[in-house]
PDB file of N, CA and C in Angstrom:
ATOM      1  N   MET A   1      11.741   5.518  47.088  1.00  0.00           N
ATOM      2  CA  MET A   1      11.458   4.554  46.049  1.00  0.00           C
ATOM      3  C   MET A   1      11.616   5.255  44.695  1.00  0.00           C
ATOM      4  N   THR A   2      12.332   4.629  43.808  1.00  0.00           N
ATOM      5  CA  THR A   2      12.542   5.221  42.498  1.00  0.00           C
ATOM      6  C   THR A   2      11.348   4.913  41.585  1.00  0.00           C
ATOM      7  N   LYS A   3      11.309   5.637  40.476  1.00  0.00           N
ATOM      8  CA  LYS A   3      10.210   5.449  39.523  1.00  0.00           C
ATOM      9  C   LYS A   3      10.242   4.039  38.929  1.00  0.00           C
ATOM     10  N   GLU A   4      11.443   3.521  38.689  1.00  0.00           N
ATOM     11  CA  GLU A   4      11.564   2.174  38.120  1.00  0.00           C
ATOM     12  C   GLU A   4      11.055   1.121  39.097  1.00  0.00           C
ATOM     13  N   ASP A   5      11.366   1.296  40.387  1.00  0.00           N
ATOM     14  CA  ASP A   5      10.877   0.357  41.399  1.00  0.00           C
ATOM     15  C   ASP A   5       9.359   0.391  41.488  1.00  0.00           C
ATOM     16  N   ARG A   6       8.802   1.587  41.472  1.00  0.00           N
ATOM     17  CA  ARG A   6       7.349   1.727  41.557  1.00  0.00           C
ATOM     18  C   ARG A   6       6.675   1.068  40.358  1.00  0.00           C
ATOM     19  N   THR A   7       7.220   1.286  39.183  1.00  0.00           N
ATOM     20  CA  THR A   7       6.664   0.681  37.973  1.00  0.00           C
ATOM     21  C   THR A   7       6.772  -0.834  38.039  1.00  0.00           C
ATOM     22  N   LYS A   8       7.901  -1.325  38.534  1.00  0.00           N
ATOM     23  CA  LYS A   8       8.096  -2.764  38.653  1.00  0.00           C
ATOM     24  C   LYS A   8       7.073  -3.372  39.617  1.00  0.00           C
ATOM     25  N   TYR A   9       6.835  -2.723  40.748  1.00  0.00           N
ATOM     26  CA  TYR A   9       5.849  -3.220  41.704  1.00  0.00           C
ATOM     27  C   TYR A   9       4.436  -3.190  41.126  1.00  0.00           C
ATOM     28  N   GLN A  10       4.131  -2.165  40.357  1.00  0.00           N
ATOM     29  CA  GLN A  10       2.812  -2.085  39.732  1.00  0.00           C
ATOM     30  C   GLN A  10       2.600  -3.239  38.751  1.00  0.00           C
ATOM     31  N   VAL A  11       3.601  -3.499  37.929  1.00  0.00           N
ATOM     32  CA  VAL A  11       3.481  -4.576  36.947  1.00  0.00           C
ATOM     33  C   VAL A  11       3.370  -5.922  37.645  1.00  0.00           C
ATOM     34  N   TYR A  12       4.186  -6.143  38.656  1.00  0.00           N
ATOM     35  CA  TYR A  12       4.130  -7.415  39.378  1.00  0.00           C
ATOM     36  C   TYR A  12       2.790  -7.604  40.081  1.00  0.00           C
ATOM     37  N   SER A  13       2.262  -6.557  40.676  1.00  0.00           N
ATOM     38  CA  SER A  13       0.980  -6.691  41.360  1.00  0.00           C
ATOM     39  C   SER A  13      -0.149  -6.930  40.361  1.00  0.00           C
ATOM     40  N   ALA A  14      -0.092  -6.277  39.205  1.00  0.00           N
ATOM     41  CA  ALA A  14      -1.116  -6.492  38.177  1.00  0.00           C
ATOM     42  C   ALA A  14      -1.049  -7.920  37.645  1.00  0.00           C
ATOM     43  N   LEU A  15       0.156  -8.426  37.414  1.00  0.00           N
ATOM     44  CA  LEU A  15       0.288  -9.806  36.941  1.00  0.00           C
ATOM     45  C   LEU A  15      -0.161 -10.805  38.003  1.00  0.00           C
ATOM     46  N   ALA A  16       0.143 -10.515  39.267  1.00  0.00           N
ATOM     47  CA  ALA A  16      -0.298 -11.393  40.351  1.00  0.00           C
ATOM     48  C   ALA A  16      -1.822 -11.419  40.440  1.00  0.00           C
ATOM     49  N   MET A  17      -2.458 -10.268  40.270  1.00  0.00           N
ATOM     50  CA  MET A  17      -3.918 -10.228  40.298  1.00  0.00           C
ATOM     51  C   MET A  17      -4.512 -11.013  39.127  1.00  0.00           C
ATOM     52  N   LEU A  18      -3.903 -10.893  37.949  1.00  0.00           N
ATOM     53  CA  LEU A  18      -4.393 -11.663  36.803  1.00  0.00           C
ATOM     54  C   LEU A  18      -4.256 -13.158  37.053  1.00  0.00           C
ATOM     55  N   LEU A  19      -3.107 -13.569  37.579  1.00  0.00           N
ATOM     56  CA  LEU A  19      -2.905 -14.991  37.867  1.00  0.00           C
ATOM     57  C   LEU A  19      -3.877 -15.488  38.929  1.00  0.00           C
ATOM     58  N   ALA A  20      -4.117 -14.687  39.953  1.00  0.00           N
ATOM     59  CA  ALA A  20      -5.070 -15.076  40.999  1.00  0.00           C
ATOM     60  C   ALA A  20      -6.474 -15.214  40.425  1.00  0.00           C
ATOM     61  N   GLY A  21      -6.861 -14.293  39.568  1.00  0.00           N
ATOM     62  CA  GLY A  21      -8.185 -14.363  38.956  1.00  0.00           C
ATOM     63  C   GLY A  21      -8.358 -15.574  38.072  1.00  0.00           C
ATOM     64  N   VAL A  22      -7.349 -15.870  37.277  1.00  0.00           N
ATOM     65  CA  VAL A  22      -7.421 -17.037  36.398  1.00  0.00           C
ATOM     66  C   VAL A  22      -7.427 -18.320  37.227  1.00  0.00           C
ATOM     67  N   ALA A  23      -6.576 -18.373  38.261  1.00  0.00           N
ATOM     68  CA  ALA A  23      -6.516 -19.570  39.101  1.00  0.00           C
ATOM     69  C   ALA A  23      -7.852 -19.817  39.808  1.00  0.00           C
ATOM     70  N   LEU A  24      -8.455 -18.767  40.329  1.00  0.00           N
ATOM     71  CA  LEU A  24      -9.738 -18.942  41.006  1.00  0.00           C
ATOM     72  C   LEU A  24     -10.836 -19.322  40.020  1.00  0.00           C
ATOM     73  N   SER A  25     -10.779 -18.792  38.813  1.00  0.00           N
ATOM     74  CA  SER A  25     -11.777 -19.150  37.805  1.00  0.00           C
ATOM     75  C   SER A  25     -11.654 -20.615  37.398  1.00  0.00           C
ATOM     76  N   VAL A  26     -10.428 -21.083  37.222  1.00  0.00           N
ATOM     77  CA  VAL A  26     -10.216 -22.496  36.885  1.00  0.00           C
ATOM     78  C   VAL A  26     -10.667 -23.373  38.048  1.00  0.00           C
ATOM     79  N   ALA A  27     -10.348 -22.961  39.265  1.00  0.00           N
ATOM     80  CA  ALA A  27     -10.781 -23.727  40.437  1.00  0.00           C
ATOM     81  C   ALA A  27     -12.300 -23.767  40.528  1.00  0.00           C
ATOM     82  N   GLY A  28     -12.953 -22.707  40.071  1.00  0.00           N
ATOM     83  CA  GLY A  28     -14.412 -22.681  40.081  1.00  0.00           C
ATOM     84  C   GLY A  28     -15.027 -23.749  39.197  1.00  0.00           C
ATOM     85  N   PHE A  29     -14.323 -24.117  38.133  1.00  0.00           N
ATOM     86  CA  PHE A  29     -14.815 -25.189  37.262  1.00  0.00           C
ATOM     87  C   PHE A  29     -14.618 -26.567  37.884  1.00  0.00           C
ATOM     88  N   LEU A  30     -13.627 -26.704  38.754  1.00  0.00           N
ATOM     89  CA  LEU A  30     -13.243 -28.015  39.249  1.00  0.00           C
ATOM     90  C   LEU A  30     -13.954 -28.452  40.529  1.00  0.00           C
ATOM     91  N   VAL A  31     -14.502 -27.510  41.283  1.00  0.00           N
ATOM     92  CA  VAL A  31     -15.174 -27.866  42.534  1.00  0.00           C
ATOM     93  C   VAL A  31     -16.665 -28.098  42.261  1.00  0.00           C
ATOM     94  N   PRO A  32     -17.306 -28.899  43.112  1.00  0.00           N
ATOM     95  CA  PRO A  32     -18.734 -29.157  42.895  1.00  0.00           C
ATOM     96  C   PRO A  32     -19.556 -27.888  43.024  1.00  0.00           C
ATOM     97  N   PRO A  33     -20.549 -27.672  42.233  1.00  0.00           N
ATOM     98  CA  PRO A  33     -20.946 -28.437  41.051  1.00  0.00           C
ATOM     99  C   PRO A  33     -19.971 -28.178  39.904  1.00  0.00           C
ATOM    100  N   VAL A  34     -19.444 -29.255  39.350  1.00  0.00           N
ATOM    101  CA  VAL A  34     -18.409 -29.177  38.318  1.00  0.00           C
ATOM    102  C   VAL A  34     -18.954 -28.472  37.088  1.00  0.00           C
ATOM    103  N   GLY A  35     -18.151 -27.539  36.555  1.00  0.00           N
ATOM    104  CA  GLY A  35     -18.520 -26.824  35.345  1.00  0.00           C
ATOM    105  C   GLY A  35     -19.369 -25.595  35.568  1.00  0.00           C
ATOM    106  N   GLU A  36     -19.673 -25.274  36.803  1.00  0.00           N
ATOM    107  CA  GLU A  36     -20.489 -24.103  37.103  1.00  0.00           C
ATOM    108  C   GLU A  36     -19.693 -23.154  37.988  1.00  0.00           C
ATOM    109  N   ILE A  37     -19.605 -21.902  37.581  1.00  0.00           N
ATOM    110  CA  ILE A  37     -18.831 -20.921  38.327  1.00  0.00           C
ATOM    111  C   ILE A  37     -19.781 -20.047  39.135  1.00  0.00           C
ATOM    112  N   SER A  38     -19.417 -19.829  40.382  1.00  0.00           N
ATOM    113  CA  SER A  38     -20.228 -18.999  41.279  1.00  0.00           C
ATOM    114  C   SER A  38     -20.132 -17.533  40.858  1.00  0.00           C
ATOM    115  N   ASP A  39     -21.152 -16.775  41.190  1.00  0.00           N
ATOM    116  CA  ASP A  39     -21.146 -15.340  40.889  1.00  0.00           C
ATOM    117  C   ASP A  39     -20.003 -14.619  41.592  1.00  0.00           C
ATOM    118  N   SER A  40     -19.668 -15.060  42.789  1.00  0.00           N
ATOM    119  CA  SER A  40     -18.583 -14.397  43.523  1.00  0.00           C
ATOM    120  C   SER A  40     -17.246 -14.613  42.842  1.00  0.00           C
ATOM    121  N   VAL A  41     -17.046 -15.775  42.216  1.00  0.00           N
ATOM    122  CA  VAL A  41     -15.802 -16.034  41.483  1.00  0.00           C
ATOM    123  C   VAL A  41     -15.731 -15.127  40.262  1.00  0.00           C
ATOM    124  N   LEU A  42     -16.832 -14.982  39.574  1.00  0.00           N
ATOM    125  CA  LEU A  42     -16.861 -14.094  38.409  1.00  0.00           C
ATOM    126  C   LEU A  42     -16.641 -12.641  38.819  1.00  0.00           C
ATOM    127  N   TRP A  43     -17.202 -12.246  39.951  1.00  0.00           N
ATOM    128  CA  TRP A  43     -17.009 -10.886  40.452  1.00  0.00           C
ATOM    129  C   TRP A  43     -15.539 -10.642  40.771  1.00  0.00           C
ATOM    130  N   PHE A  44     -14.892 -11.602  41.453  1.00  0.00           N
ATOM    131  CA  PHE A  44     -13.481 -11.462  41.798  1.00  0.00           C
ATOM    132  C   PHE A  44     -12.632 -11.381  40.534  1.00  0.00           C
ATOM    133  N   PHE A  45     -12.925 -12.219  39.542  1.00  0.00           N
ATOM    134  CA  PHE A  45     -12.166 -12.187  38.298  1.00  0.00           C
ATOM    135  C   PHE A  45     -12.338 -10.849  37.579  1.00  0.00           C
ATOM    136  N   ALA A  46     -13.544 -10.315  37.594  1.00  0.00           N
ATOM    137  CA  ALA A  46     -13.779  -9.000  36.979  1.00  0.00           C
ATOM    138  C   ALA A  46     -12.978  -7.916  37.699  1.00  0.00           C
ATOM    139  N   GLN A  47     -12.917  -7.981  39.025  1.00  0.00           N
ATOM    140  CA  GLN A  47     -12.139  -7.000  39.788  1.00  0.00           C
ATOM    141  C   GLN A  47     -10.647  -7.121  39.472  1.00  0.00           C
ATOM    142  N   CYS A  48     -10.167  -8.341  39.290  1.00  0.00           N
ATOM    143  CA  CYS A  48      -8.762  -8.549  38.918  1.00  0.00           C
ATOM    144  C   CYS A  48      -8.469  -7.924  37.555  1.00  0.00           C
ATOM    145  N   LEU A  49      -9.389  -8.111  36.609  1.00  0.00           N
ATOM    146  CA  LEU A  49      -9.199  -7.527  35.279  1.00  0.00           C
ATOM    147  C   LEU A  49      -9.235  -6.002  35.331  1.00  0.00           C
ATOM    148  N   ILE A  50     -10.131  -5.457  36.119  1.00  0.00           N
ATOM    149  CA  ILE A  50     -10.223  -4.002  36.247  1.00  0.00           C
ATOM    150  C   ILE A  50      -8.950  -3.443  36.864  1.00  0.00           C
ATOM    151  N   TYR A  51      -8.442  -4.095  37.910  1.00  0.00           N
ATOM    152  CA  TYR A  51      -7.215  -3.633  38.560  1.00  0.00           C
ATOM    153  C   TYR A  51      -6.037  -3.663  37.590  1.00  0.00           C
ATOM    154  N   ALA A  52      -5.859  -4.795  36.914  1.00  0.00           N
ATOM    155  CA  ALA A  52      -4.742  -4.911  35.980  1.00  0.00           C
ATOM    156  C   ALA A  52      -4.884  -3.916  34.828  1.00  0.00           C
ATOM    157  N   GLY A  53      -6.089  -3.752  34.331  1.00  0.00           N
ATOM    158  CA  GLY A  53      -6.308  -2.781  33.258  1.00  0.00           C
ATOM    159  C   GLY A  53      -6.036  -1.364  33.695  1.00  0.00           C
ATOM    160  N   SER A  54      -6.392  -1.055  34.921  1.00  0.00           N
ATOM    161  CA  SER A  54      -6.144   0.311  35.402  1.00  0.00           C
ATOM    162  C   SER A  54      -4.659   0.557  35.596  1.00  0.00           C
ATOM    163  N   ILE A  55      -3.935  -0.431  36.081  1.00  0.00           N
ATOM    164  CA  ILE A  55      -2.490  -0.277  36.260  1.00  0.00           C
ATOM    165  C   ILE A  55      -1.814  -0.050  34.911  1.00  0.00           C
ATOM    166  N   PHE A  56      -2.109  -0.899  33.944  1.00  0.00           N
ATOM    167  CA  PHE A  56      -1.464  -0.779  32.645  1.00  0.00           C
ATOM    168  C   PHE A  56      -1.985   0.426  31.870  1.00  0.00           C
ATOM    169  N   GLY A  57      -3.281   0.656  31.890  1.00  0.00           N
ATOM    170  CA  GLY A  57      -3.870   1.741  31.117  1.00  0.00           C
ATOM    171  C   GLY A  57      -3.492   3.115  31.623  1.00  0.00           C
ATOM    172  N   VAL A  58      -3.533   3.319  32.922  1.00  0.00           N
ATOM    173  CA  VAL A  58      -3.208   4.625  33.492  1.00  0.00           C
ATOM    174  C   VAL A  58      -1.739   4.946  33.283  1.00  0.00           C
ATOM    175  N   SER A  59      -0.860   3.981  33.501  1.00  0.00           N
ATOM    176  CA  SER A  59       0.570   4.260  33.339  1.00  0.00           C
ATOM    177  C   SER A  59       0.912   4.574  31.882  1.00  0.00           C
ATOM    178  N   ILE A  60       0.299   3.877  30.946  1.00  0.00           N
ATOM    179  CA  ILE A  60       0.554   4.152  29.528  1.00  0.00           C
ATOM    180  C   ILE A  60       0.017   5.527  29.158  1.00  0.00           C
ATOM    181  N   TYR A  61      -1.160   5.879  29.646  1.00  0.00           N
ATOM    182  CA  TYR A  61      -1.751   7.176  29.358  1.00  0.00           C
ATOM    183  C   TYR A  61      -0.889   8.312  29.918  1.00  0.00           C
ATOM    184  N   VAL A  62      -0.461   8.167  31.150  1.00  0.00           N
ATOM    185  CA  VAL A  62       0.347   9.218  31.783  1.00  0.00           C
ATOM    186  C   VAL A  62       1.684   9.363  31.070  1.00  0.00           C
ATOM    187  N   GLN A  63       2.321   8.260  30.731  1.00  0.00           N
ATOM    188  CA  GLN A  63       3.598   8.334  30.028  1.00  0.00           C
ATOM    189  C   GLN A  63       3.448   9.010  28.669  1.00  0.00           C
ATOM    190  N   SER A  64       2.376   8.711  27.950  1.00  0.00           N
ATOM    191  CA  SER A  64       2.182   9.339  26.638  1.00  0.00           C
ATOM    192  C   SER A  64       1.921  10.836  26.782  1.00  0.00           C
ATOM    193  N   LYS A  65       1.177  11.244  27.807  1.00  0.00           N
ATOM    194  CA  LYS A  65       0.918  12.673  28.014  1.00  0.00           C
ATOM    195  C   LYS A  65       2.188  13.417  28.407  1.00  0.00           C
ATOM    196  N   PHE A  66       3.026  12.803  29.244  1.00  0.00           N
ATOM    197  CA  PHE A  66       4.291  13.433  29.601  1.00  0.00           C
ATOM    198  C   PHE A  66       5.193  13.577  28.382  1.00  0.00           C
ATOM    199  N   THR A  67       5.190  12.579  27.510  1.00  0.00           N
ATOM    200  CA  THR A  67       5.987  12.647  26.288  1.00  0.00           C
ATOM    201  C   THR A  67       5.496  13.779  25.396  1.00  0.00           C
ATOM    202  N   GLU A  68       4.180  13.907  25.259  1.00  0.00           N
ATOM    203  CA  GLU A  68       3.623  15.003  24.463  1.00  0.00           C
ATOM    204  C   GLU A  68       3.988  16.360  25.062  1.00  0.00           C
ATOM    205  N   LEU A  69       3.911  16.463  26.377  1.00  0.00           N
ATOM    206  CA  LEU A  69       4.252  17.711  27.053  1.00  0.00           C
ATOM    207  C   LEU A  69       5.722  18.066  26.863  1.00  0.00           C
ATOM    208  N   LYS A  70       6.602  17.091  26.968  1.00  0.00           N
ATOM    209  CA  LYS A  70       8.030  17.333  26.764  1.00  0.00           C
ATOM    210  C   LYS A  70       8.301  17.800  25.337  1.00  0.00           C
ATOM    211  N   GLU A  71       7.639  17.166  24.367  1.00  0.00           N
ATOM    212  CA  GLU A  71       7.821  17.560  22.973  1.00  0.00           C
ATOM    213  C   GLU A  71       7.335  18.987  22.735  1.00  0.00           C
ATOM    214  N   GLU A  72       6.207  19.342  23.328  1.00  0.00           N
ATOM    215  CA  GLU A  72       5.663  20.699  23.195  1.00  0.00           C
ATOM    216  C   GLU A  72       6.602  21.717  23.819  1.00  0.00           C
ATOM    217  N   MET A  73       7.133  21.388  24.984  1.00  0.00           N
ATOM    218  CA  MET A  73       8.054  22.316  25.666  1.00  0.00           C
ATOM    219  C   MET A  73       9.343  22.489  24.873  1.00  0.00           C
ATOM    220  N   SER A  74       9.846  21.407  24.276  1.00  0.00           N
ATOM    221  CA  SER A  74      11.076  21.510  23.502  1.00  0.00           C
ATOM    222  C   SER A  74      10.859  22.310  22.216  1.00  0.00           C
ATOM    223  N   LYS A  75       9.668  22.268  21.643  1.00  0.00           N
ATOM    224  CA  LYS A  75       9.359  23.047  20.447  1.00  0.00           C
ATOM    225  C   LYS A  75       9.313  24.545  20.776  1.00  0.00           C
ATOM    226  N   ARG A  76       8.836  24.897  21.951  1.00  0.00           N
ATOM    227  CA  ARG A  76       8.742  26.297  22.337  1.00  0.00           C
ATOM    228  C   ARG A  76      10.069  26.891  22.761  1.00  0.00           C
ATOM    229  N   SER A  77      11.015  26.056  23.131  1.00  0.00           N
ATOM    230  CA  SER A  77      12.316  26.558  23.596  1.00  0.00           C
ATOM    231  C   SER A  77      13.223  26.945  22.470  1.00  0.00           C
TER     232      SER A  77
END
């Protein structure tokens, strides 16, 4: 698996988790009792946000550190 494929799968899975969380949250408003969301729905939505944030945040952090390392190595050469 190439790096581009892995990144693509990470982004797609993070977006799918966000969509699932939003869809379940909206469904929570529509089922009886209307307008009240269960704690389990809120927990699932929080987990979706954490997963998506970790995918995007970790990849951005790692890419920035690699860029800094490359710049440092090129300065020393």
